[in-house]
N, C-alpha and C. Protein backbone atom coordinates (compact mmCIF):
# COMPACT_ATOMS: atom_id res chain seq x y z
N UNK A 1 11.75 -5.21 -2.27
CA UNK A 1 10.95 -4.24 -1.57
C UNK A 1 10.30 -4.77 -0.41
N UNK A 2 9.76 -5.85 -0.60
CA UNK A 2 8.92 -6.67 0.41
C UNK A 2 9.83 -6.63 1.74
N UNK A 3 11.09 -7.09 1.53
CA UNK A 3 11.99 -7.20 2.63
C UNK A 3 12.22 -5.66 3.44
N UNK A 4 12.24 -4.72 2.66
CA UNK A 4 12.42 -3.47 3.18
C UNK A 4 11.29 -3.00 4.02
N UNK A 5 10.08 -3.35 3.55
CA UNK A 5 8.90 -2.92 4.29
C UNK A 5 8.67 -3.80 5.53
N UNK A 6 9.07 -5.02 5.48
CA UNK A 6 9.07 -5.91 6.53
C UNK A 6 9.99 -5.40 7.66
N UNK A 7 11.06 -5.05 7.28
CA UNK A 7 12.10 -4.59 8.28
C UNK A 7 11.55 -3.35 8.79
N UNK A 8 10.96 -2.37 8.02
CA UNK A 8 10.33 -1.23 8.59
C UNK A 8 9.42 -1.53 9.64
N UNK A 9 8.52 -2.30 9.39
CA UNK A 9 7.36 -2.64 10.23
C UNK A 9 7.60 -3.59 11.30
N UNK A 10 8.88 -4.01 11.45
CA UNK A 10 9.35 -5.20 12.41
C UNK A 10 8.75 -4.82 13.84
N UNK A 11 8.78 -3.65 14.16
CA UNK A 11 8.51 -3.22 15.53
C UNK A 11 7.15 -2.45 15.58
N UNK A 12 6.42 -2.68 14.70
CA UNK A 12 5.10 -1.97 14.74
C UNK A 12 4.06 -3.04 15.53
N UNK A 13 3.08 -2.50 16.24
CA UNK A 13 2.18 -3.15 16.93
C UNK A 13 1.18 -3.72 15.78
N UNK A 14 0.42 -4.76 16.20
CA UNK A 14 -0.59 -5.22 15.20
C UNK A 14 -1.70 -4.32 14.71
N UNK A 15 -2.00 -3.39 15.58
CA UNK A 15 -2.86 -2.48 15.18
C UNK A 15 -2.27 -1.43 14.09
N UNK A 16 -1.07 -1.04 14.15
CA UNK A 16 -0.28 -0.25 13.15
C UNK A 16 -0.41 -0.92 11.91
N UNK A 17 0.10 -2.37 11.86
CA UNK A 17 0.16 -3.16 10.68
C UNK A 17 -1.11 -3.15 10.06
N UNK A 18 -2.09 -3.30 10.72
CA UNK A 18 -3.38 -3.46 10.06
C UNK A 18 -3.87 -2.23 9.38
N UNK A 19 -3.63 -1.11 10.18
CA UNK A 19 -4.06 0.23 9.46
C UNK A 19 -2.98 0.37 8.19
N UNK A 20 -1.78 -0.04 8.22
CA UNK A 20 -1.04 0.03 7.18
C UNK A 20 -1.61 -0.78 5.94
N UNK A 21 -2.00 -1.84 6.22
CA UNK A 21 -2.44 -2.94 5.17
C UNK A 21 -3.78 -2.23 4.66
N UNK A 22 -4.55 -1.70 5.34
CA UNK A 22 -5.82 -1.26 4.80
C UNK A 22 -5.45 0.05 4.01
N UNK A 23 -4.67 0.92 4.33
CA UNK A 23 -4.15 1.99 3.46
C UNK A 23 -3.56 1.63 2.07
N UNK A 24 -2.74 0.49 2.44
CA UNK A 24 -2.07 -0.05 1.05
C UNK A 24 -3.09 -0.57 0.09
N UNK A 25 -4.09 -1.36 0.47
CA UNK A 25 -5.11 -1.86 -0.46
C UNK A 25 -5.72 -0.54 -1.20
N UNK A 26 -5.93 0.58 -0.43
CA UNK A 26 -6.51 1.69 -1.13
C UNK A 26 -5.45 2.37 -2.17
N UNK A 27 -4.31 2.34 -1.82
CA UNK A 27 -3.41 2.80 -2.68
C UNK A 27 -3.31 2.11 -3.99
N UNK A 28 -3.18 0.82 -3.87
CA UNK A 28 -3.26 -0.03 -5.02
C UNK A 28 -4.63 0.27 -6.04
N UNK A 29 -5.74 0.21 -5.31
CA UNK A 29 -6.97 0.49 -6.18
C UNK A 29 -6.99 1.89 -6.82
N UNK A 30 -6.56 2.94 -6.00
CA UNK A 30 -6.48 4.44 -6.80
C UNK A 30 -5.23 4.39 -7.80
N UNK A 31 -4.20 3.68 -7.51
CA UNK A 31 -3.22 3.68 -8.56
C UNK A 31 -3.58 3.05 -9.78
N UNK A 32 -4.39 2.03 -9.84
CA UNK A 32 -4.83 1.41 -11.02
C UNK A 32 -5.85 2.31 -11.68
N UNK A 33 -6.70 3.07 -10.94
CA UNK A 33 -7.64 3.92 -11.51
C UNK A 33 -6.89 5.30 -12.28
N UNK A 34 -5.84 5.69 -11.73
CA UNK A 34 -5.05 6.76 -12.45
C UNK A 34 -4.46 6.24 -13.42
N UNK A 35 -3.83 5.00 -13.59
CA UNK A 35 -3.14 4.52 -14.66
C UNK A 35 -4.17 4.32 -15.78
N UNK A 36 -5.34 3.83 -15.57
CA UNK A 36 -6.41 3.60 -16.62
C UNK A 36 -6.77 5.08 -17.11
N UNK A 37 -6.88 6.09 -16.28
CA UNK A 37 -7.14 7.33 -16.85
C UNK A 37 -6.07 7.93 -17.55
N UNK A 38 -4.88 7.67 -17.38
CA UNK A 38 -3.85 8.16 -18.14
C UNK A 38 -3.71 7.63 -19.40
N UNK A 39 -4.01 6.28 -19.50
CA UNK A 39 -3.93 5.54 -20.77
C UNK A 39 -5.14 5.95 -21.58
N UNK A 40 -6.16 6.15 -21.00
CA UNK A 40 -7.44 6.47 -21.98
C UNK A 40 -7.24 7.87 -22.72
N UNK A 41 -6.36 8.81 -22.16
CA UNK A 41 -6.28 10.04 -22.72
C UNK A 41 -5.62 10.14 -24.00
């Protein structure tokens, strides 16, 4: 998966990559919260 993402972002500017990284960390944080909520039910 990492190789696919790197290939996709190969021609992105540094600013675009930084924005993507910022959003990626949010996704993982929220995904963990959702999984915990599902398990607790």
